[in-house]
Amino acid sequence: MRILYADDHSLVREALKPHLLKLGPETEVIEAGSVDEALQLVAEAAKDKRAVELVLLDLQMPGMNGFEGFDRVKAALPDVPIVIISGYSDKRTINAALERGARGFVPKTATGKTLVRALEAVIDGERYIPASLLEENDSPSIFDQTAKRNTPLEDSPLNKLTEREAEALRLLIAGKTNKQIAIALGLQEITVKIHLRNCYKKIGATNRADAVRLAYEHGWQVQGEVPGEA
């Protein structure tokens, strides 16, 4: 199976890719960081006669413009199931995705096991939407481009982080390098490395990608601008 996974956060892709490969020994994941790049990969796959069989899309990346990017990908692959993997999980966003033909909706806070189960259901011809996501909630919506949620879930190990550690982790999730984090926070790069090492220890992460995965699973999402960005 050939899967196209489009998300502009490379660390998020790196964190989720091992779970996607669990779908089968012949699973291949091709990655894109924008809608235009995703469509280019779709065209290249068609030329190679190695069609894309499943698409995973993040709603907050270059070219999406709300659901405009989704519609473009859907038009290019009308018969291929598209699953939304998003930091937004409000009812309005979910319903909009379903109305446009999404076959699944998985929050980025989901565990790897949940993601695999969801994709297996979609591959089997079902539609996957966690029941909990359809309940009324006050989560940020994709329709509110200024929305931002950085509040850890109750009893989350993220609550153990100091303010500086949390700031460093937020920037790491946003894809910043240690040098960029240091500049944004006005710190020495060695200090940033210490903060991140402390983060990993407190939340049980082994590397940057693992830290991103755990942060999302414990309810920490980053949308829009982050400190230090132009």
C-alpha atoms as a PDB file:
ATOM      1  CA  MET A   1       0.000   0.000   0.000  1.00  0.00           C
ATOM      2  CA  ARG A   2       1.255   3.454  -0.911  1.00  0.00           C
ATOM      3  CA  ILE A   3       0.309   6.176   1.584  1.00  0.00           C
ATOM      4  CA  LEU A   4       0.680   9.907   1.026  1.00  0.00           C
ATOM      5  CA  TYR A   5       1.132  11.763   4.311  1.00  0.00           C
ATOM      6  CA  ALA A   6       1.076  15.572   4.066  1.00  0.00           C
ATOM      7  CA  ASP A   7       1.978  17.671   7.115  1.00  0.00           C
ATOM      8  CA  ASP A   8       4.306  20.648   7.293  1.00  0.00           C
ATOM      9  CA  HIS A   9       5.726  19.535  10.648  1.00  0.00           C
ATOM     10  CA  SER A  10       8.514  17.124   9.739  1.00  0.00           C
ATOM     11  CA  LEU A  11       8.909  15.993  13.343  1.00  0.00           C
ATOM     12  CA  VAL A  12       5.236  15.025  13.501  1.00  0.00           C
ATOM     13  CA  ARG A  13       5.621  13.026  10.291  1.00  0.00           C
ATOM     14  CA  GLU A  14       8.711  11.359  11.709  1.00  0.00           C
ATOM     15  CA  ALA A  15       6.836  10.482  14.896  1.00  0.00           C
ATOM     16  CA  LEU A  16       3.820   8.978  13.127  1.00  0.00           C
ATOM     17  CA  LYS A  17       5.527   7.239  10.201  1.00  0.00           C
ATOM     18  CA  PRO A  18       6.576   4.122  12.212  1.00  0.00           C
ATOM     19  CA  HIS A  19       2.909   3.573  13.089  1.00  0.00           C
ATOM     20  CA  LEU A  20       1.847   3.877   9.453  1.00  0.00           C
ATOM     21  CA  LEU A  21       4.359   1.205   8.475  1.00  0.00           C
ATOM     22  CA  LYS A  22       2.583  -1.201  10.833  1.00  0.00           C
ATOM     23  CA  LEU A  23      -0.299  -1.379   8.357  1.00  0.00           C
ATOM     24  CA  GLY A  24       1.569  -4.014   6.370  1.00  0.00           C
ATOM     25  CA  PRO A  25       5.012  -5.247   5.282  1.00  0.00           C
ATOM     26  CA  GLU A  26       4.656  -3.670   1.835  1.00  0.00           C
ATOM     27  CA  THR A  27       3.456  -0.294   3.083  1.00  0.00           C
ATOM     28  CA  GLU A  28       5.265   2.694   1.576  1.00  0.00           C
ATOM     29  CA  VAL A  29       4.897   6.221   2.956  1.00  0.00           C
ATOM     30  CA  ILE A  30       5.624   9.237   0.755  1.00  0.00           C
ATOM     31  CA  GLU A  31       5.735  12.580   2.559  1.00  0.00           C
ATOM     32  CA  ALA A  32       4.809  16.145   1.663  1.00  0.00           C
ATOM     33  CA  GLY A  33       5.034  19.410   3.556  1.00  0.00           C
ATOM     34  CA  SER A  34       2.388  21.343   1.616  1.00  0.00           C
ATOM     35  CA  VAL A  35      -0.636  20.838  -0.588  1.00  0.00           C
ATOM     36  CA  ASP A  36       1.320  21.727  -3.733  1.00  0.00           C
ATOM     37  CA  GLU A  37       4.025  19.206  -2.857  1.00  0.00           C
ATOM     38  CA  ALA A  38       1.367  16.571  -2.180  1.00  0.00           C
ATOM     39  CA  LEU A  39      -0.242  17.138  -5.576  1.00  0.00           C
ATOM     40  CA  GLN A  40       3.156  16.953  -7.243  1.00  0.00           C
ATOM     41  CA  LEU A  41       3.788  13.572  -5.600  1.00  0.00           C
ATOM     42  CA  VAL A  42       0.363  12.388  -6.753  1.00  0.00           C
ATOM     43  CA  ALA A  43       1.250  13.317 -10.354  1.00  0.00           C
ATOM     44  CA  GLU A  44       4.637  11.596 -10.116  1.00  0.00           C
ATOM     45  CA  ALA A  45       3.053   8.461  -8.658  1.00  0.00           C
ATOM     46  CA  ALA A  46       0.600   8.322 -11.554  1.00  0.00           C
ATOM     47  CA  LYS A  47       3.447   8.514 -14.079  1.00  0.00           C
ATOM     48  CA  ASP A  48       5.239   5.671 -12.306  1.00  0.00           C
ATOM     49  CA  LYS A  49       2.000   3.672 -12.294  1.00  0.00           C
ATOM     50  CA  ARG A  50       2.350   3.338  -8.521  1.00  0.00           C
ATOM     51  CA  ALA A  51      -0.898   4.897  -7.437  1.00  0.00           C
ATOM     52  CA  VAL A  52      -1.501   6.430  -4.032  1.00  0.00           C
ATOM     53  CA  GLU A  53      -4.030   4.278  -2.142  1.00  0.00           C
ATOM     54  CA  LEU A  54      -4.527   6.300   1.042  1.00  0.00           C
ATOM     55  CA  VAL A  55      -4.032   9.986   1.880  1.00  0.00           C
ATOM     56  CA  LEU A  56      -3.443  11.548   5.297  1.00  0.00           C
ATOM     57  CA  LEU A  57      -3.806  15.321   5.470  1.00  0.00           C
ATOM     58  CA  ASP A  58      -3.077  17.883   8.153  1.00  0.00           C
ATOM     59  CA  LEU A  59      -5.492  20.811   8.020  1.00  0.00           C
ATOM     60  CA  GLN A  60      -2.963  23.459   9.041  1.00  0.00           C
ATOM     61  CA  MET A  61      -0.215  23.554   6.430  1.00  0.00           C
ATOM     62  CA  PRO A  62       0.723  25.682   3.405  1.00  0.00           C
ATOM     63  CA  GLY A  63      -1.918  25.532   0.698  1.00  0.00           C
ATOM     64  CA  MET A  64      -4.796  24.277   2.840  1.00  0.00           C
ATOM     65  CA  ASN A  65      -6.583  27.635   3.288  1.00  0.00           C
ATOM     66  CA  GLY A  66      -9.275  26.094   5.426  1.00  0.00           C
ATOM     67  CA  PHE A  67     -10.566  23.202   3.304  1.00  0.00           C
ATOM     68  CA  GLU A  68      -9.517  24.510  -0.102  1.00  0.00           C
ATOM     69  CA  GLY A  69      -6.439  22.275  -0.134  1.00  0.00           C
ATOM     70  CA  PHE A  70      -8.519  19.264   0.863  1.00  0.00           C
ATOM     71  CA  ASP A  71     -10.834  19.898  -2.101  1.00  0.00           C
ATOM     72  CA  ARG A  72      -7.846  20.086  -4.485  1.00  0.00           C
ATOM     73  CA  VAL A  73      -6.438  16.773  -3.267  1.00  0.00           C
ATOM     74  CA  LYS A  74      -9.891  15.173  -3.383  1.00  0.00           C
ATOM     75  CA  ALA A  75     -10.338  16.341  -6.984  1.00  0.00           C
ATOM     76  CA  ALA A  76      -6.976  14.818  -7.942  1.00  0.00           C
ATOM     77  CA  LEU A  77      -7.761  11.521  -6.185  1.00  0.00           C
ATOM     78  CA  PRO A  78     -11.574  11.185  -6.228  1.00  0.00           C
ATOM     79  CA  ASP A  79     -11.586   7.461  -5.487  1.00  0.00           C
ATOM     80  CA  VAL A  80      -8.866   7.424  -2.826  1.00  0.00           C
ATOM     81  CA  PRO A  81      -9.851   7.610   0.862  1.00  0.00           C
ATOM     82  CA  ILE A  82      -8.601  10.727   2.638  1.00  0.00           C
ATOM     83  CA  VAL A  83      -8.116  10.809   6.399  1.00  0.00           C
ATOM     84  CA  ILE A  84      -7.681  14.053   8.311  1.00  0.00           C
ATOM     85  CA  ILE A  85      -5.061  14.049  11.075  1.00  0.00           C
ATOM     86  CA  SER A  86      -5.387  17.361  12.833  1.00  0.00           C
ATOM     87  CA  GLY A  87      -4.740  19.349  15.965  1.00  0.00           C
ATOM     88  CA  TYR A  88      -8.253  20.726  15.552  1.00  0.00           C
ATOM     89  CA  SER A  89     -10.951  18.393  16.878  1.00  0.00           C
ATOM     90  CA  ASP A  90     -14.060  20.563  17.246  1.00  0.00           C
ATOM     91  CA  LYS A  91     -17.403  19.422  15.910  1.00  0.00           C
ATOM     92  CA  ARG A  92     -17.624  22.147  13.275  1.00  0.00           C
ATOM     93  CA  THR A  93     -14.281  21.190  11.737  1.00  0.00           C
ATOM     94  CA  ILE A  94     -15.122  17.473  11.792  1.00  0.00           C
ATOM     95  CA  ASN A  95     -18.502  17.981  10.132  1.00  0.00           C
ATOM     96  CA  ALA A  96     -16.938  20.156   7.439  1.00  0.00           C
ATOM     97  CA  ALA A  97     -14.395  17.419   6.705  1.00  0.00           C
ATOM     98  CA  LEU A  98     -17.110  14.770   6.471  1.00  0.00           C
ATOM     99  CA  GLU A  99     -19.258  16.915   4.177  1.00  0.00           C
ATOM    100  CA  ARG A 100     -16.323  17.235   1.789  1.00  0.00           C
ATOM    101  CA  GLY A 101     -15.803  13.494   1.681  1.00  0.00           C
ATOM    102  CA  ALA A 102     -13.198  12.698   4.324  1.00  0.00           C
ATOM    103  CA  ARG A 103     -13.252   9.014   5.233  1.00  0.00           C
ATOM    104  CA  GLY A 104     -11.721   9.506   8.643  1.00  0.00           C
ATOM    105  CA  PHE A 105     -10.763  12.096  11.227  1.00  0.00           C
ATOM    106  CA  VAL A 106      -8.060  11.398  13.798  1.00  0.00           C
ATOM    107  CA  PRO A 107      -6.819  13.976  16.344  1.00  0.00           C
ATOM    108  CA  LYS A 108      -3.081  14.394  16.708  1.00  0.00           C
ATOM    109  CA  THR A 109      -3.529  13.579  20.381  1.00  0.00           C
ATOM    110  CA  ALA A 110      -4.464   9.995  19.460  1.00  0.00           C
ATOM    111  CA  THR A 111      -2.074   7.184  20.343  1.00  0.00           C
ATOM    112  CA  GLY A 112      -0.228   5.267  17.659  1.00  0.00           C
ATOM    113  CA  LYS A 113      -2.447   2.249  18.302  1.00  0.00           C
ATOM    114  CA  THR A 114      -5.579   4.348  17.766  1.00  0.00           C
ATOM    115  CA  LEU A 115      -4.181   5.746  14.520  1.00  0.00           C
ATOM    116  CA  VAL A 116      -3.449   2.273  13.162  1.00  0.00           C
ATOM    117  CA  ARG A 117      -6.904   1.031  14.165  1.00  0.00           C
ATOM    118  CA  ALA A 118      -8.522   4.029  12.487  1.00  0.00           C
ATOM    119  CA  LEU A 119      -6.626   3.542   9.234  1.00  0.00           C
ATOM    120  CA  GLU A 120      -7.363  -0.183   9.193  1.00  0.00           C
ATOM    121  CA  ALA A 121     -11.067   0.655   9.442  1.00  0.00           C
ATOM    122  CA  VAL A 122     -10.826   3.120   6.553  1.00  0.00           C
ATOM    123  CA  ILE A 123      -8.900   0.615   4.426  1.00  0.00           C
ATOM    124  CA  ASP A 124     -11.698  -1.887   5.084  1.00  0.00           C
ATOM    125  CA  GLY A 125     -14.205   0.573   3.663  1.00  0.00           C
ATOM    126  CA  GLU A 126     -15.474   2.058   6.902  1.00  0.00           C
ATOM    127  CA  ARG A 127     -15.520   5.655   8.090  1.00  0.00           C
ATOM    128  CA  TYR A 128     -13.623   6.435  11.278  1.00  0.00           C
ATOM    129  CA  ILE A 129     -14.572   9.277  13.604  1.00  0.00           C
ATOM    130  CA  PRO A 130     -13.976   8.839  17.366  1.00  0.00           C
ATOM    131  CA  ALA A 131     -17.337   9.214  19.110  1.00  0.00           C
ATOM    132  CA  SER A 132     -15.776  11.526  21.680  1.00  0.00           C
ATOM    133  CA  LEU A 133     -14.951  14.051  18.943  1.00  0.00           C
ATOM    134  CA  LEU A 134     -18.594  14.408  17.974  1.00  0.00           C
ATOM    135  CA  GLU A 135     -19.594  15.610  21.433  1.00  0.00           C
ATOM    136  CA  GLU A 136     -20.065  19.328  21.967  1.00  0.00           C
ATOM    137  CA  ASN A 137     -16.776  20.920  23.008  1.00  0.00           C
ATOM    138  CA  ASP A 138     -15.025  24.248  22.993  1.00  0.00           C
ATOM    139  CA  SER A 139     -11.891  23.129  21.155  1.00  0.00           C
ATOM    140  CA  PRO A 140     -10.302  25.598  18.700  1.00  0.00           C
ATOM    141  CA  SER A 141     -11.723  25.430  15.177  1.00  0.00           C
ATOM    142  CA  ILE A 142      -9.908  25.429  11.836  1.00  0.00           C
ATOM    143  CA  PHE A 143     -12.262  28.283  10.966  1.00  0.00           C
ATOM    144  CA  ASP A 144     -10.613  30.402  13.669  1.00  0.00           C
ATOM    145  CA  GLN A 145      -7.114  30.824  12.275  1.00  0.00           C
ATOM    146  CA  THR A 146      -5.921  32.603  15.425  1.00  0.00           C
ATOM    147  CA  ALA A 147      -6.920  29.737  17.701  1.00  0.00           C
ATOM    148  CA  LYS A 148      -4.156  28.204  19.752  1.00  0.00           C
ATOM    149  CA  ARG A 149      -4.202  25.491  22.379  1.00  0.00           C
ATOM    150  CA  ASN A 150      -1.179  24.779  24.505  1.00  0.00           C
ATOM    151  CA  THR A 151      -2.856  23.475  27.639  1.00  0.00           C
ATOM    152  CA  PRO A 152      -1.697  20.020  28.798  1.00  0.00           C
ATOM    153  CA  LEU A 153      -4.284  17.485  29.859  1.00  0.00           C
ATOM    154  CA  GLU A 154      -4.808  17.005  33.584  1.00  0.00           C
ATOM    155  CA  ASP A 155      -2.134  14.799  35.212  1.00  0.00           C
ATOM    156  CA  SER A 156       0.030  15.184  32.105  1.00  0.00           C
ATOM    157  CA  PRO A 157       3.831  14.975  32.537  1.00  0.00           C
ATOM    158  CA  LEU A 158       3.919  18.246  30.599  1.00  0.00           C
ATOM    159  CA  ASN A 159       2.779  19.931  33.798  1.00  0.00           C
ATOM    160  CA  LYS A 160       6.176  19.090  35.288  1.00  0.00           C
ATOM    161  CA  LEU A 161       7.970  21.381  32.850  1.00  0.00           C
ATOM    162  CA  THR A 162       9.308  24.750  33.936  1.00  0.00           C
ATOM    163  CA  GLU A 163       8.213  27.802  31.950  1.00  0.00           C
ATOM    164  CA  ARG A 164      11.497  27.865  30.003  1.00  0.00           C
ATOM    165  CA  GLU A 165      11.360  24.131  29.296  1.00  0.00           C
ATOM    166  CA  ALA A 166       7.792  24.510  28.047  1.00  0.00           C
ATOM    167  CA  GLU A 167       8.773  27.412  25.780  1.00  0.00           C
ATOM    168  CA  ALA A 168      11.633  25.387  24.320  1.00  0.00           C
ATOM    169  CA  LEU A 169       9.363  22.400  23.729  1.00  0.00           C
ATOM    170  CA  ARG A 170       6.720  24.568  22.020  1.00  0.00           C
ATOM    171  CA  LEU A 171       9.322  25.834  19.578  1.00  0.00           C
ATOM    172  CA  LEU A 172      10.677  22.327  19.022  1.00  0.00           C
ATOM    173  CA  ILE A 173       7.160  21.131  18.142  1.00  0.00           C
ATOM    174  CA  ALA A 174       6.927  24.014  15.678  1.00  0.00           C
ATOM    175  CA  GLY A 175       9.972  22.583  13.891  1.00  0.00           C
ATOM    176  CA  LYS A 176      12.634  24.974  15.168  1.00  0.00           C
ATOM    177  CA  THR A 177      16.276  23.931  15.456  1.00  0.00           C
ATOM    178  CA  ASN A 178      18.181  24.372  18.712  1.00  0.00           C
ATOM    179  CA  LYS A 179      19.858  27.461  17.259  1.00  0.00           C
ATOM    180  CA  GLN A 180      16.517  28.994  16.262  1.00  0.00           C
ATOM    181  CA  ILE A 181      15.078  28.218  19.693  1.00  0.00           C
ATOM    182  CA  ALA A 182      18.059  29.889  21.335  1.00  0.00           C
ATOM    183  CA  ILE A 183      17.578  33.029  19.246  1.00  0.00           C
ATOM    184  CA  ALA A 184      13.823  33.129  19.903  1.00  0.00           C
ATOM    185  CA  LEU A 185      14.267  32.804  23.671  1.00  0.00           C
ATOM    186  CA  GLY A 186      17.425  34.878  23.983  1.00  0.00           C
ATOM    187  CA  LEU A 187      19.431  31.950  25.345  1.00  0.00           C
ATOM    188  CA  GLN A 188      22.723  30.212  24.612  1.00  0.00           C
ATOM    189  CA  GLU A 189      22.366  27.111  22.454  1.00  0.00           C
ATOM    190  CA  ILE A 190      23.892  24.938  25.181  1.00  0.00           C
ATOM    191  CA  THR A 191      21.187  26.197  27.562  1.00  0.00           C
ATOM    192  CA  VAL A 192      18.511  25.166  25.088  1.00  0.00           C
ATOM    193  CA  LYS A 193      20.029  21.691  24.883  1.00  0.00           C
ATOM    194  CA  ILE A 194      19.874  21.435  28.675  1.00  0.00           C
ATOM    195  CA  HIS A 195      16.232  22.556  28.737  1.00  0.00           C
ATOM    196  CA  LEU A 196      15.282  20.039  26.064  1.00  0.00           C
ATOM    197  CA  ARG A 197      17.195  17.250  27.781  1.00  0.00           C
ATOM    198  CA  ASN A 198      15.232  18.013  30.947  1.00  0.00           C
ATOM    199  CA  CYS A 199      12.008  17.982  28.896  1.00  0.00           C
ATOM    200  CA  TYR A 200      12.779  14.555  27.492  1.00  0.00           C
ATOM    201  CA  LYS A 201      13.495  13.177  30.946  1.00  0.00           C
ATOM    202  CA  LYS A 202      10.333  14.593  32.500  1.00  0.00           C
ATOM    203  CA  ILE A 203       7.951  13.413  29.776  1.00  0.00           C
ATOM    204  CA  GLY A 204       9.716  10.122  29.015  1.00  0.00           C
ATOM    205  CA  ALA A 205      10.872  10.958  25.490  1.00  0.00           C
ATOM    206  CA  THR A 206      13.921   9.429  23.829  1.00  0.00           C
ATOM    207  CA  ASN A 207      14.406  11.995  21.027  1.00  0.00           C
ATOM    208  CA  ARG A 208      12.859  15.028  19.324  1.00  0.00           C
ATOM    209  CA  ALA A 209      10.277  13.076  17.339  1.00  0.00           C
ATOM    210  CA  ASP A 210       9.274  11.125  20.429  1.00  0.00           C
ATOM    211  CA  ALA A 211       8.884  14.391  22.365  1.00  0.00           C
ATOM    212  CA  VAL A 212       6.554  15.742  19.677  1.00  0.00           C
ATOM    213  CA  ARG A 213       4.466  12.564  19.722  1.00  0.00           C
ATOM    214  CA  LEU A 214       4.142  12.578  23.506  1.00  0.00           C
ATOM    215  CA  ALA A 215       3.310  16.283  23.615  1.00  0.00           C
ATOM    216  CA  TYR A 216       0.459  15.804  21.150  1.00  0.00           C
ATOM    217  CA  GLU A 217      -0.800  12.703  22.941  1.00  0.00           C
ATOM    218  CA  HIS A 218      -0.988  14.655  26.190  1.00  0.00           C
ATOM    219  CA  GLY A 219      -3.061  17.421  24.659  1.00  0.00           C
ATOM    220  CA  TRP A 220      -0.437  19.949  23.606  1.00  0.00           C
ATOM    221  CA  GLN A 221      -1.061  21.457  20.198  1.00  0.00           C
ATOM    222  CA  VAL A 222       0.604  24.340  18.403  1.00  0.00           C
ATOM    223  CA  GLN A 223      -1.211  26.309  15.731  1.00  0.00           C
ATOM    224  CA  GLY A 224      -0.449  29.685  14.233  1.00  0.00           C
ATOM    225  CA  GLU A 225       2.577  31.734  15.151  1.00  0.00           C
ATOM    226  CA  VAL A 226       4.988  30.725  17.886  1.00  0.00           C
ATOM    227  CA  PRO A 227       7.359  32.978  19.830  1.00  0.00           C
ATOM    228  CA  GLY A 228      10.255  34.213  17.723  1.00  0.00           C
ATOM    229  CA  GLU A 229       8.665  33.737  14.311  1.00  0.00           C
ATOM    230  CA  ALA A 230       8.614  36.607  11.869  1.00  0.00           C
END
